[in-house]
Amino acid sequence: NSPIKPKRRHTNALMSSSHSHGRRGILCNTGWAACRAGCSPRTKIVGAVVGVLVVVVLALSAHHAGSSDNNNSNAAAAQQQAQEQAALQLRTTLATVTPETLLTDPNSLQNRAYEWLLAEQDHDDKDDGTHESDNDDTDSAKSTVLLERYAVVVLDLHLRGEGSANTVAQAGISTCEWSGVTCHNDTGLVQSIVWAGQGLSGSLPN
């Protein structure tokens, strides 16, 4: 019987060792912190590398999120600046024919016409109602076209009233295509306005 007992002890030792390794593997699978004392050196190295990779990934994700927020903020600021610049440029052009006090007075027709043109300009970055034959891209020609459109809008608001169903001013459409407006074939500038038979009355606004 004595030879058998050592074998049993050896078997029990193997089982104990196998059980211990199994527990150690479970600990290793639960995370690096849990197996620092019990995992093999190779497992410790793998755990350390995984931990570093996780930290790097989290850092890159946070950096990417911060960059996206900054980009969105910069884009919004740039858009706001562009709108303010466009408004200033439009107001400066209109101020050549209308006092700026009227352009900035919310109760004036001139201000409503200015706001109408500005809204149209914000909606469409193309020319402010350029005519079909407006092939001259100079600032002077564009200003003339814009001032004509502004004058017709002011007259339209004055005679018909803002929000009227019969208004002729239409955003995104050339002034030459508005009802009753005729333009010169060569210059493309407004030649006449005929709104007869529409029950309109009143004086010409400033």
N, C-alpha and C. Protein backbone atom coordinates (compact mmCIF):
# COMPACT_ATOMS: atom_id res chain seq x y z
N ASN A 1 0.81 -1.22 0.00
CA ASN A 1 0.00 0.00 0.00
C ASN A 1 0.84 1.26 0.00
N SER A 2 2.03 1.15 0.60
CA SER A 2 2.85 2.36 0.69
C SER A 2 3.22 2.95 -0.65
N PRO A 3 3.46 2.17 -1.73
CA PRO A 3 3.77 2.82 -3.03
C PRO A 3 2.60 3.58 -3.61
N ILE A 4 1.39 3.21 -3.25
CA ILE A 4 0.22 3.84 -3.85
C ILE A 4 0.01 5.23 -3.30
N LYS A 5 0.26 5.43 -2.02
CA LYS A 5 0.00 6.73 -1.38
C LYS A 5 0.76 7.86 -2.04
N PRO A 6 2.03 7.69 -2.36
CA PRO A 6 2.72 8.80 -3.05
C PRO A 6 2.07 9.14 -4.37
N LYS A 7 1.62 8.08 -5.10
CA LYS A 7 0.96 8.37 -6.37
C LYS A 7 -0.29 9.19 -6.14
N ARG A 8 -1.06 8.84 -5.07
CA ARG A 8 -2.26 9.62 -4.77
C ARG A 8 -1.90 11.06 -4.41
N ARG A 9 -0.83 11.18 -3.62
CA ARG A 9 -0.41 12.54 -3.27
C ARG A 9 0.02 13.29 -4.52
N HIS A 10 0.70 12.59 -5.43
CA HIS A 10 1.13 13.23 -6.68
C HIS A 10 -0.08 13.63 -7.52
N THR A 11 -1.08 12.72 -7.56
CA THR A 11 -2.29 13.02 -8.32
C THR A 11 -3.02 14.20 -7.72
N ASN A 12 -3.11 14.22 -6.39
CA ASN A 12 -3.78 15.34 -5.72
C ASN A 12 -3.05 16.64 -5.96
N ALA A 13 -1.70 16.54 -6.00
CA ALA A 13 -0.91 17.74 -6.26
C ALA A 13 -1.16 18.26 -7.65
N LEU A 14 -1.25 17.33 -8.64
CA LEU A 14 -1.54 17.75 -10.01
C LEU A 14 -2.90 18.39 -10.10
N MET A 15 -3.89 17.78 -9.42
CA MET A 15 -5.25 18.34 -9.44
C MET A 15 -5.26 19.71 -8.79
N SER A 16 -4.52 19.81 -7.68
CA SER A 16 -4.48 21.10 -6.99
C SER A 16 -3.81 22.14 -7.86
N SER A 17 -2.70 21.70 -8.53
CA SER A 17 -2.00 22.65 -9.41
C SER A 17 -2.87 23.05 -10.58
N SER A 18 -3.57 22.03 -11.19
CA SER A 18 -4.46 22.33 -12.31
C SER A 18 -5.57 23.25 -11.88
N HIS A 19 -6.14 22.99 -10.70
CA HIS A 19 -7.21 23.84 -10.19
C HIS A 19 -6.71 25.26 -9.94
N SER A 20 -5.48 25.32 -9.41
CA SER A 20 -4.91 26.64 -9.14
C SER A 20 -4.69 27.41 -10.43
N HIS A 21 -4.19 26.73 -11.47
CA HIS A 21 -3.99 27.39 -12.76
C HIS A 21 -5.32 27.82 -13.36
N GLY A 22 -6.35 26.99 -13.16
CA GLY A 22 -7.66 27.36 -13.67
C GLY A 22 -8.16 28.63 -13.02
N ARG A 23 -8.00 28.69 -11.68
CA ARG A 23 -8.40 29.90 -10.96
C ARG A 23 -7.59 31.09 -11.44
N ARG A 24 -6.29 30.83 -11.68
CA ARG A 24 -5.40 31.89 -12.12
C ARG A 24 -5.84 32.41 -13.50
N GLY A 25 -6.27 31.48 -14.38
CA GLY A 25 -6.74 31.89 -15.70
C GLY A 25 -8.00 32.71 -15.61
N ILE A 26 -8.89 32.32 -14.67
CA ILE A 26 -10.11 33.09 -14.48
C ILE A 26 -9.78 34.48 -14.02
N LEU A 27 -8.83 34.59 -13.10
CA LEU A 27 -8.42 35.90 -12.61
C LEU A 27 -7.83 36.72 -13.73
N CYS A 28 -7.04 36.06 -14.59
CA CYS A 28 -6.42 36.79 -15.70
C CYS A 28 -7.48 37.31 -16.65
N ASN A 29 -8.51 36.52 -16.83
CA ASN A 29 -9.57 36.96 -17.74
C ASN A 29 -10.39 38.10 -17.17
N THR A 30 -10.36 38.28 -15.86
CA THR A 30 -11.16 39.34 -15.26
C THR A 30 -10.49 40.69 -15.32
N GLY A 31 -9.24 40.74 -15.74
CA GLY A 31 -8.60 42.05 -15.87
C GLY A 31 -7.19 42.03 -15.35
N TRP A 32 -6.43 43.00 -15.80
CA TRP A 32 -5.02 43.08 -15.43
C TRP A 32 -4.83 43.30 -13.93
N ALA A 33 -5.66 44.14 -13.33
CA ALA A 33 -5.49 44.46 -11.92
C ALA A 33 -5.71 43.23 -11.05
N ALA A 34 -6.59 42.33 -11.49
CA ALA A 34 -6.95 41.18 -10.68
C ALA A 34 -5.89 40.09 -10.71
N CYS A 35 -4.99 40.10 -11.71
CA CYS A 35 -4.05 38.98 -11.83
C CYS A 35 -2.60 39.43 -11.80
N ARG A 36 -2.34 40.60 -11.25
CA ARG A 36 -0.96 41.06 -11.20
C ARG A 36 -0.08 40.10 -10.42
N ALA A 37 -0.64 39.51 -9.34
CA ALA A 37 0.18 38.66 -8.48
C ALA A 37 0.17 37.21 -8.92
N GLY A 38 -0.86 36.80 -9.71
CA GLY A 38 -0.99 35.38 -10.00
C GLY A 38 -0.78 34.98 -11.43
N CYS A 39 -0.78 35.89 -12.39
CA CYS A 39 -0.65 35.52 -13.79
C CYS A 39 0.80 35.29 -14.16
N SER A 40 0.98 34.58 -15.25
CA SER A 40 2.33 34.33 -15.75
C SER A 40 2.92 35.62 -16.30
N PRO A 41 4.24 35.71 -16.43
CA PRO A 41 4.86 36.93 -16.99
C PRO A 41 4.33 37.28 -18.38
N ARG A 42 4.10 36.27 -19.20
CA ARG A 42 3.59 36.53 -20.54
C ARG A 42 2.20 37.15 -20.48
N THR A 43 1.36 36.62 -19.60
CA THR A 43 0.00 37.15 -19.45
C THR A 43 0.03 38.57 -18.92
N LYS A 44 0.97 38.82 -18.00
CA LYS A 44 1.10 40.17 -17.46
C LYS A 44 1.46 41.17 -18.56
N ILE A 45 2.38 40.75 -19.45
CA ILE A 45 2.79 41.64 -20.54
C ILE A 45 1.61 41.93 -21.46
N VAL A 46 0.86 40.86 -21.81
CA VAL A 46 -0.31 41.04 -22.67
C VAL A 46 -1.32 41.97 -22.01
N GLY A 47 -1.55 41.77 -20.72
CA GLY A 47 -2.49 42.63 -20.00
C GLY A 47 -2.05 44.07 -19.99
N ALA A 48 -0.73 44.28 -19.81
CA ALA A 48 -0.22 45.65 -19.79
C ALA A 48 -0.40 46.33 -21.15
N VAL A 49 -0.13 45.56 -22.22
CA VAL A 49 -0.29 46.12 -23.58
C VAL A 49 -1.75 46.46 -23.85
N VAL A 50 -2.65 45.58 -23.46
CA VAL A 50 -4.08 45.84 -23.65
C VAL A 50 -4.50 47.08 -22.89
N GLY A 51 -4.00 47.21 -21.66
CA GLY A 51 -4.34 48.39 -20.86
C GLY A 51 -3.88 49.66 -21.52
N VAL A 52 -2.66 49.65 -22.06
CA VAL A 52 -2.13 50.84 -22.74
C VAL A 52 -2.97 51.17 -23.97
N LEU A 53 -3.33 50.13 -24.73
CA LEU A 53 -4.14 50.35 -25.94
C LEU A 53 -5.50 50.96 -25.59
N VAL A 54 -6.10 50.49 -24.51
CA VAL A 54 -7.40 51.04 -24.09
C VAL A 54 -7.27 52.52 -23.75
N VAL A 55 -6.20 52.86 -23.03
CA VAL A 55 -5.98 54.27 -22.68
C VAL A 55 -5.78 55.12 -23.92
N VAL A 56 -5.01 54.59 -24.87
CA VAL A 56 -4.76 55.34 -26.12
C VAL A 56 -6.04 55.55 -26.90
N VAL A 57 -6.86 54.48 -27.00
CA VAL A 57 -8.12 54.59 -27.73
C VAL A 57 -9.04 55.62 -27.08
N LEU A 58 -9.15 55.60 -25.78
CA LEU A 58 -9.99 56.56 -25.07
C LEU A 58 -9.48 57.98 -25.27
N ALA A 59 -8.16 58.15 -25.24
CA ALA A 59 -7.58 59.48 -25.44
C ALA A 59 -7.86 59.99 -26.85
N LEU A 60 -7.71 59.10 -27.84
CA LEU A 60 -7.97 59.50 -29.23
C LEU A 60 -9.44 59.84 -29.44
N SER A 61 -10.34 59.08 -28.80
CA SER A 61 -11.77 59.35 -28.92
C SER A 61 -12.11 60.72 -28.34
N ALA A 62 -11.54 61.02 -27.18
CA ALA A 62 -11.79 62.31 -26.55
C ALA A 62 -11.24 63.45 -27.40
N HIS A 63 -10.05 63.22 -27.98
CA HIS A 63 -9.46 64.26 -28.84
C HIS A 63 -10.30 64.48 -30.08
N HIS A 64 -10.80 63.38 -30.67
CA HIS A 64 -11.64 63.50 -31.87
C HIS A 64 -12.93 64.24 -31.56
N ALA A 65 -13.53 63.94 -30.42
CA ALA A 65 -14.77 64.64 -30.03
C ALA A 65 -14.51 66.12 -29.83
N GLY A 66 -13.39 66.44 -29.18
CA GLY A 66 -13.05 67.84 -28.97
C GLY A 66 -12.78 68.56 -30.28
N SER A 67 -12.11 67.87 -31.22
CA SER A 67 -11.83 68.48 -32.53
C SER A 67 -13.12 68.74 -33.30
N SER A 68 -14.07 67.80 -33.23
CA SER A 68 -15.35 67.97 -33.92
C SER A 68 -16.10 69.18 -33.36
N ASP A 69 -16.09 69.31 -32.02
CA ASP A 69 -16.77 70.46 -31.41
C ASP A 69 -16.12 71.77 -31.84
N ASN A 70 -14.78 71.78 -31.88
CA ASN A 70 -14.08 72.99 -32.31
C ASN A 70 -14.37 73.33 -33.75
N ASN A 71 -14.42 72.29 -34.61
CA ASN A 71 -14.71 72.52 -36.03
C ASN A 71 -16.11 73.09 -36.21
N ASN A 72 -17.08 72.53 -35.47
CA ASN A 72 -18.46 73.03 -35.57
C ASN A 72 -18.55 74.46 -35.08
N SER A 73 -17.84 74.76 -33.99
CA SER A 73 -17.84 76.11 -33.45
C SER A 73 -17.21 77.10 -34.42
N ASN A 74 -16.09 76.68 -35.03
CA ASN A 74 -15.42 77.55 -35.99
C ASN A 74 -16.27 77.78 -37.22
N ALA A 75 -16.96 76.73 -37.69
CA ALA A 75 -17.82 76.87 -38.86
C ALA A 75 -18.99 77.81 -38.57
N ALA A 76 -19.58 77.69 -37.38
CA ALA A 76 -20.68 78.58 -37.02
C ALA A 76 -20.22 80.02 -36.91
N ALA A 77 -19.02 80.22 -36.34
CA ALA A 77 -18.48 81.58 -36.22
C ALA A 77 -18.18 82.18 -37.59
N ALA A 78 -17.64 81.35 -38.49
CA ALA A 78 -17.34 81.83 -39.84
C ALA A 78 -18.62 82.18 -40.59
N GLN A 79 -19.66 81.37 -40.42
CA GLN A 79 -20.93 81.65 -41.08
C GLN A 79 -21.55 82.94 -40.54
N GLN A 80 -21.48 83.12 -39.22
CA GLN A 80 -22.01 84.33 -38.61
C GLN A 80 -21.27 85.56 -39.11
N GLN A 81 -19.96 85.45 -39.22
CA GLN A 81 -19.15 86.57 -39.71
C GLN A 81 -19.48 86.89 -41.16
N ALA A 82 -19.69 85.86 -41.98
CA ALA A 82 -20.03 86.07 -43.38
C ALA A 82 -21.39 86.76 -43.51
N GLN A 83 -22.36 86.37 -42.68
CA GLN A 83 -23.68 86.99 -42.72
C GLN A 83 -23.61 88.46 -42.31
N GLU A 84 -22.82 88.74 -41.28
CA GLU A 84 -22.68 90.12 -40.84
C GLU A 84 -22.00 90.97 -41.91
N GLN A 85 -21.02 90.40 -42.58
CA GLN A 85 -20.33 91.12 -43.65
C GLN A 85 -21.27 91.39 -44.82
N ALA A 86 -22.10 90.40 -45.15
CA ALA A 86 -23.06 90.57 -46.24
C ALA A 86 -24.09 91.64 -45.90
N ALA A 87 -24.55 91.65 -44.65
CA ALA A 87 -25.52 92.65 -44.22
C ALA A 87 -24.92 94.06 -44.29
N LEU A 88 -23.66 94.18 -43.87
CA LEU A 88 -22.99 95.48 -43.91
C LEU A 88 -22.81 95.96 -45.34
N GLN A 89 -22.42 95.04 -46.21
CA GLN A 89 -22.22 95.40 -47.61
C GLN A 89 -23.53 95.84 -48.26
N LEU A 90 -24.61 95.12 -47.97
CA LEU A 90 -25.92 95.47 -48.53
C LEU A 90 -26.38 96.83 -48.00
N ARG A 91 -26.25 97.03 -46.71
CA ARG A 91 -26.68 98.30 -46.11
C ARG A 91 -25.85 99.46 -46.65
N THR A 92 -24.56 99.25 -46.87
CA THR A 92 -23.70 100.30 -47.41
C THR A 92 -24.13 100.68 -48.83
N THR A 93 -24.51 99.69 -49.62
CA THR A 93 -24.96 99.97 -50.99
C THR A 93 -26.27 100.74 -50.98
N LEU A 94 -27.22 100.30 -50.17
CA LEU A 94 -28.52 100.96 -50.12
C LEU A 94 -28.42 102.37 -49.53
N ALA A 95 -27.43 102.58 -48.68
CA ALA A 95 -27.26 103.90 -48.05
C ALA A 95 -26.86 104.97 -49.05
N THR A 96 -26.50 104.57 -50.27
CA THR A 96 -26.17 105.57 -51.30
C THR A 96 -27.42 106.25 -51.84
N VAL A 97 -28.60 105.66 -51.59
CA VAL A 97 -29.85 106.26 -52.08
C VAL A 97 -30.84 106.49 -50.94
N THR A 98 -30.61 105.90 -49.79
CA THR A 98 -31.53 106.02 -48.65
C THR A 98 -30.72 106.28 -47.37
N PRO A 99 -31.14 107.26 -46.57
CA PRO A 99 -30.44 107.51 -45.30
C PRO A 99 -30.41 106.24 -44.44
N GLU A 100 -29.30 106.00 -43.81
CA GLU A 100 -29.16 104.79 -43.01
C GLU A 100 -30.13 104.76 -41.83
N THR A 101 -30.56 105.93 -41.40
CA THR A 101 -31.54 105.97 -40.30
C THR A 101 -32.85 105.30 -40.72
N LEU A 102 -33.22 105.45 -41.99
CA LEU A 102 -34.42 104.78 -42.48
C LEU A 102 -34.19 103.29 -42.67
N LEU A 103 -32.99 102.94 -43.10
CA LEU A 103 -32.69 101.53 -43.32
C LEU A 103 -32.70 100.74 -42.02
N THR A 104 -32.36 101.40 -40.93
CA THR A 104 -32.29 100.71 -39.63
C THR A 104 -33.53 100.93 -38.77
N ASP A 105 -34.48 101.71 -39.28
CA ASP A 105 -35.73 101.95 -38.55
C ASP A 105 -36.71 100.83 -38.84
N PRO A 106 -37.04 100.00 -37.83
CA PRO A 106 -37.91 98.84 -38.09
C PRO A 106 -39.32 99.22 -38.52
N ASN A 107 -39.71 100.48 -38.35
CA ASN A 107 -41.05 100.91 -38.74
C ASN A 107 -41.11 101.48 -40.16
N SER A 108 -39.97 101.55 -40.82
CA SER A 108 -39.94 102.16 -42.16
C SER A 108 -40.06 101.11 -43.26
N LEU A 109 -40.61 101.54 -44.39
CA LEU A 109 -40.70 100.66 -45.55
C LEU A 109 -39.31 100.32 -46.06
N GLN A 110 -38.41 101.29 -45.94
CA GLN A 110 -37.05 101.06 -46.42
C GLN A 110 -36.36 99.94 -45.63
N ASN A 111 -36.61 99.91 -44.33
CA ASN A 111 -36.04 98.84 -43.52
C ASN A 111 -36.63 97.49 -43.88
N ARG A 112 -37.93 97.45 -44.15
CA ARG A 112 -38.57 96.19 -44.53
C ARG A 112 -38.06 95.70 -45.88
N ALA A 113 -37.82 96.64 -46.78
CA ALA A 113 -37.25 96.26 -48.08
C ALA A 113 -35.83 95.74 -47.90
N TYR A 114 -35.07 96.41 -47.04
CA TYR A 114 -33.70 95.97 -46.74
C TYR A 114 -33.71 94.57 -46.13
N GLU A 115 -34.58 94.32 -45.16
CA GLU A 115 -34.66 93.01 -44.53
C GLU A 115 -35.10 91.95 -45.54
N TRP A 116 -35.99 92.32 -46.46
CA TRP A 116 -36.45 91.37 -47.49
C TRP A 116 -35.29 90.97 -48.39
N LEU A 117 -34.50 91.96 -48.82
CA LEU A 117 -33.35 91.68 -49.67
C LEU A 117 -32.29 90.86 -48.92
N LEU A 118 -32.11 91.17 -47.65
CA LEU A 118 -31.12 90.45 -46.85
C LEU A 118 -31.53 88.99 -46.67
N ALA A 119 -32.82 88.75 -46.42
CA ALA A 119 -33.30 87.38 -46.28
C ALA A 119 -33.14 86.62 -47.58
N GLU A 120 -33.41 87.29 -48.68
CA GLU A 120 -33.24 86.66 -49.99
C GLU A 120 -31.77 86.33 -50.23
N GLN A 121 -30.91 87.24 -49.83
CA GLN A 121 -29.47 87.05 -50.03
C GLN A 121 -28.95 85.91 -49.18
N ASP A 122 -29.45 85.78 -47.94
CA ASP A 122 -29.04 84.69 -47.07
C ASP A 122 -29.52 83.34 -47.60
N HIS A 123 -30.69 83.35 -48.23
CA HIS A 123 -31.26 82.11 -48.74
C HIS A 123 -30.55 81.63 -49.99
N ASP A 124 -30.08 82.57 -50.77
CA ASP A 124 -29.43 82.22 -52.03
C ASP A 124 -28.18 83.07 -52.17
N ASP A 125 -27.03 82.44 -52.23
CA ASP A 125 -25.77 83.17 -52.31
C ASP A 125 -25.48 83.70 -53.72
N LYS A 126 -26.43 83.56 -54.62
CA LYS A 126 -26.24 84.08 -55.97
C LYS A 126 -26.42 85.60 -55.95
N ASP A 127 -26.48 86.21 -57.14
CA ASP A 127 -26.66 87.66 -57.23
C ASP A 127 -28.00 88.04 -56.63
N ASP A 128 -28.10 89.26 -56.15
CA ASP A 128 -29.34 89.76 -55.56
C ASP A 128 -30.31 90.18 -56.66
N GLY A 129 -30.95 89.17 -57.28
CA GLY A 129 -31.95 89.46 -58.30
C GLY A 129 -31.36 90.02 -59.57
N THR A 130 -30.25 89.50 -60.02
CA THR A 130 -29.67 90.01 -61.26
C THR A 130 -30.56 89.70 -62.44
N HIS A 131 -30.51 90.56 -63.44
CA HIS A 131 -31.32 90.39 -64.63
C HIS A 131 -30.65 89.37 -65.56
N GLU A 132 -31.45 88.90 -66.49
CA GLU A 132 -30.94 87.89 -67.41
C GLU A 132 -29.78 88.42 -68.24
N SER A 133 -29.84 89.70 -68.62
CA SER A 133 -28.82 90.26 -69.48
C SER A 133 -27.71 90.95 -68.69
N ASP A 134 -27.69 90.72 -67.38
CA ASP A 134 -26.68 91.35 -66.54
C ASP A 134 -25.39 90.53 -66.63
N ASN A 135 -24.67 90.70 -67.73
CA ASN A 135 -23.45 89.96 -67.95
C ASN A 135 -22.22 90.71 -67.46
N ASP A 136 -22.37 91.95 -67.05
CA ASP A 136 -21.28 92.75 -66.55
C ASP A 136 -21.10 92.45 -65.07
N ASP A 137 -19.97 91.87 -64.71
CA ASP A 137 -19.75 91.44 -63.33
C ASP A 137 -19.11 92.52 -62.47
N THR A 138 -19.02 93.75 -62.98
CA THR A 138 -18.41 94.80 -62.19
C THR A 138 -19.28 95.16 -60.99
N ASP A 139 -18.63 95.68 -59.94
CA ASP A 139 -19.37 96.06 -58.74
C ASP A 139 -20.40 97.14 -59.04
N SER A 140 -20.07 98.04 -59.95
CA SER A 140 -20.99 99.12 -60.30
C SER A 140 -22.27 98.58 -60.91
N ALA A 141 -22.14 97.63 -61.82
CA ALA A 141 -23.32 97.05 -62.47
C ALA A 141 -24.18 96.29 -61.47
N LYS A 142 -23.53 95.54 -60.59
CA LYS A 142 -24.27 94.79 -59.59
C LYS A 142 -24.99 95.72 -58.62
N SER A 143 -24.34 96.82 -58.28
CA SER A 143 -24.97 97.78 -57.38
C SER A 143 -26.19 98.42 -58.03
N THR A 144 -26.09 98.71 -59.33
CA THR A 144 -27.22 99.30 -60.04
C THR A 144 -28.40 98.34 -60.05
N VAL A 145 -28.14 97.09 -60.34
CA VAL A 145 -29.20 96.07 -60.36
C VAL A 145 -29.83 95.94 -58.97
N LEU A 146 -29.00 95.93 -57.96
CA LEU A 146 -29.49 95.80 -56.59
C LEU A 146 -30.33 97.00 -56.18
N LEU A 147 -29.89 98.19 -56.54
CA LEU A 147 -30.64 99.40 -56.18
C LEU A 147 -31.99 99.43 -56.90
N GLU A 148 -32.02 98.98 -58.13
CA GLU A 148 -33.29 98.89 -58.86
C GLU A 148 -34.25 97.93 -58.15
N ARG A 149 -33.75 96.80 -57.77
CA ARG A 149 -34.58 95.80 -57.10
C ARG A 149 -35.10 96.37 -55.78
N TYR A 150 -34.23 97.02 -55.05
CA TYR A 150 -34.62 97.65 -53.79
C TYR A 150 -35.72 98.68 -54.00
N ALA A 151 -35.58 99.53 -55.03
CA ALA A 151 -36.57 100.57 -55.30
C ALA A 151 -37.93 99.96 -55.63
N VAL A 152 -37.93 98.91 -56.41
CA VAL A 152 -39.20 98.27 -56.78
C VAL A 152 -39.84 97.62 -55.55
N VAL A 153 -39.04 97.02 -54.69
CA VAL A 153 -39.58 96.40 -53.47
C VAL A 153 -40.19 97.45 -52.56
N VAL A 154 -39.50 98.59 -52.39
CA VAL A 154 -40.04 99.67 -51.56
C VAL A 154 -41.36 100.17 -52.13
N LEU A 155 -41.41 100.38 -53.44
CA LEU A 155 -42.64 100.84 -54.09
C LEU A 155 -43.75 99.81 -53.94
N ASP A 156 -43.42 98.56 -54.09
CA ASP A 156 -44.39 97.48 -53.96
C ASP A 156 -44.97 97.44 -52.55
N LEU A 157 -44.10 97.54 -51.54
CA LEU A 157 -44.55 97.54 -50.15
C LEU A 157 -45.40 98.76 -49.84
N HIS A 158 -45.03 99.88 -50.42
CA HIS A 158 -45.73 101.14 -50.14
C HIS A 158 -47.14 101.14 -50.72
N LEU A 159 -47.29 100.66 -51.93
CA LEU A 159 -48.59 100.72 -52.61
C LEU A 159 -49.50 99.54 -52.26
N ARG A 160 -48.93 98.40 -51.99
CA ARG A 160 -49.75 97.20 -51.78
C ARG A 160 -49.81 96.79 -50.31
N GLY A 161 -48.79 97.11 -49.56
CA GLY A 161 -48.75 96.68 -48.17
C GLY A 161 -48.00 95.36 -48.02
N GLU A 162 -47.24 95.26 -46.97
CA GLU A 162 -46.47 94.04 -46.74
C GLU A 162 -47.41 92.86 -46.49
N GLY A 163 -47.11 91.74 -47.11
CA GLY A 163 -47.93 90.54 -46.94
C GLY A 163 -49.12 90.49 -47.87
N SER A 164 -49.27 91.46 -48.74
CA SER A 164 -50.39 91.45 -49.68
C SER A 164 -50.29 90.27 -50.63
N ALA A 165 -51.45 89.70 -50.95
CA ALA A 165 -51.47 88.56 -51.86
C ALA A 165 -51.14 88.98 -53.28
N ASN A 166 -51.24 90.27 -53.56
CA ASN A 166 -51.00 90.78 -54.91
C ASN A 166 -49.60 91.34 -55.09
N THR A 167 -48.73 91.15 -54.11
CA THR A 167 -47.39 91.69 -54.21
C THR A 167 -46.65 91.10 -55.42
N VAL A 168 -45.82 91.92 -56.05
CA VAL A 168 -45.11 91.46 -57.25
C VAL A 168 -43.70 90.96 -56.91
N ALA A 169 -43.17 91.40 -55.77
CA ALA A 169 -41.80 91.02 -55.41
C ALA A 169 -41.74 89.53 -55.10
N GLN A 170 -40.88 88.83 -55.82
CA GLN A 170 -40.73 87.39 -55.63
C GLN A 170 -39.25 87.07 -55.46
N ALA A 171 -38.93 86.45 -54.36
CA ALA A 171 -37.53 86.12 -54.08
C ALA A 171 -37.00 85.10 -55.08
N GLY A 172 -35.75 85.30 -55.47
CA GLY A 172 -35.10 84.34 -56.36
C GLY A 172 -35.47 84.49 -57.81
N ILE A 173 -36.30 85.46 -58.14
CA ILE A 173 -36.71 85.68 -59.53
C ILE A 173 -36.24 87.06 -59.96
N SER A 174 -35.73 87.16 -61.17
CA SER A 174 -35.24 88.43 -61.68
C SER A 174 -36.32 89.50 -61.61
N THR A 175 -35.91 90.72 -61.27
CA THR A 175 -36.85 91.84 -61.23
C THR A 175 -37.55 92.02 -62.57
N CYS A 176 -36.86 91.73 -63.66
CA CYS A 176 -37.44 91.87 -65.00
C CYS A 176 -38.60 90.91 -65.23
N GLU A 177 -38.70 89.86 -64.43
CA GLU A 177 -39.78 88.89 -64.58
C GLU A 177 -40.94 89.17 -63.64
N TRP A 178 -40.84 90.20 -62.83
CA TRP A 178 -41.95 90.55 -61.95
C TRP A 178 -43.08 91.16 -62.77
N SER A 179 -44.28 90.96 -62.28
CA SER A 179 -45.47 91.44 -62.99
C SER A 179 -45.43 92.96 -63.19
N GLY A 180 -45.64 93.39 -64.44
CA GLY A 180 -45.69 94.81 -64.77
C GLY A 180 -44.35 95.49 -64.94
N VAL A 181 -43.25 94.77 -64.71
CA VAL A 181 -41.91 95.35 -64.83
C VAL A 181 -41.32 94.98 -66.19
N THR A 182 -40.86 95.99 -66.92
CA THR A 182 -40.23 95.78 -68.23
C THR A 182 -38.80 96.29 -68.19
N CYS A 183 -37.89 95.50 -68.73
CA CYS A 183 -36.48 95.87 -68.74
C CYS A 183 -35.99 96.11 -70.17
N HIS A 184 -34.95 96.90 -70.28
CA HIS A 184 -34.35 97.20 -71.58
C HIS A 184 -33.65 95.95 -72.11
N ASN A 185 -33.81 95.70 -73.39
CA ASN A 185 -33.25 94.49 -73.99
C ASN A 185 -31.72 94.49 -73.96
N ASP A 186 -31.12 95.65 -74.11
CA ASP A 186 -29.66 95.72 -74.20
C ASP A 186 -29.00 95.83 -72.82
N THR A 187 -29.51 96.70 -72.00
CA THR A 187 -28.87 96.93 -70.69
C THR A 187 -29.37 96.00 -69.61
N GLY A 188 -30.59 95.49 -69.78
CA GLY A 188 -31.16 94.64 -68.75
C GLY A 188 -31.65 95.40 -67.54
N LEU A 189 -31.67 96.74 -67.64
CA LEU A 189 -32.13 97.56 -66.52
C LEU A 189 -33.62 97.85 -66.66
N VAL A 190 -34.25 98.16 -65.53
CA VAL A 190 -35.69 98.43 -65.52
C VAL A 190 -35.99 99.63 -66.40
N GLN A 191 -36.93 99.45 -67.32
CA GLN A 191 -37.30 100.51 -68.25
C GLN A 191 -38.64 101.14 -67.86
N SER A 192 -39.57 100.32 -67.43
CA SER A 192 -40.88 100.85 -67.04
C SER A 192 -41.55 99.91 -66.06
N ILE A 193 -42.50 100.48 -65.29
CA ILE A 193 -43.32 99.71 -64.37
C ILE A 193 -44.77 100.09 -64.63
N VAL A 194 -45.59 99.13 -65.00
CA VAL A 194 -46.99 99.38 -65.29
C VAL A 194 -47.84 98.49 -64.38
N TRP A 195 -48.49 99.14 -63.40
CA TRP A 195 -49.38 98.43 -62.49
C TRP A 195 -50.78 99.02 -62.59
N ALA A 196 -51.19 99.28 -63.79
CA ALA A 196 -52.49 99.91 -64.00
C ALA A 196 -53.62 98.92 -63.74
N GLY A 197 -54.78 99.48 -63.34
CA GLY A 197 -55.96 98.66 -63.15
C GLY A 197 -55.89 97.75 -61.94
N GLN A 198 -55.04 98.04 -60.99
CA GLN A 198 -54.90 97.20 -59.81
C GLN A 198 -55.37 97.89 -58.53
N GLY A 199 -56.02 99.05 -58.70
CA GLY A 199 -56.57 99.75 -57.55
C GLY A 199 -55.51 100.34 -56.63
N LEU A 200 -54.36 100.65 -57.18
CA LEU A 200 -53.28 101.20 -56.35
C LEU A 200 -53.38 102.73 -56.30
N SER A 201 -52.98 103.27 -55.18
CA SER A 201 -52.96 104.74 -55.04
C SER A 201 -51.95 105.11 -53.98
N GLY A 202 -51.51 106.35 -54.01
CA GLY A 202 -50.56 106.82 -53.02
C GLY A 202 -49.42 107.56 -53.68
N SER A 203 -48.57 108.13 -52.85
CA SER A 203 -47.42 108.90 -53.35
C SER A 203 -46.20 108.01 -53.43
N LEU A 204 -45.19 108.48 -54.15
CA LEU A 204 -43.94 107.73 -54.24
C LEU A 204 -43.15 107.91 -52.95
N PRO A 205 -42.65 106.80 -52.40
CA PRO A 205 -41.88 106.91 -51.16
C PRO A 205 -40.48 107.47 -51.42
N ASN A 206 -39.83 107.91 -50.36
CA ASN A 206 -38.46 108.43 -50.50
C ASN A 206 -37.49 107.30 -50.83
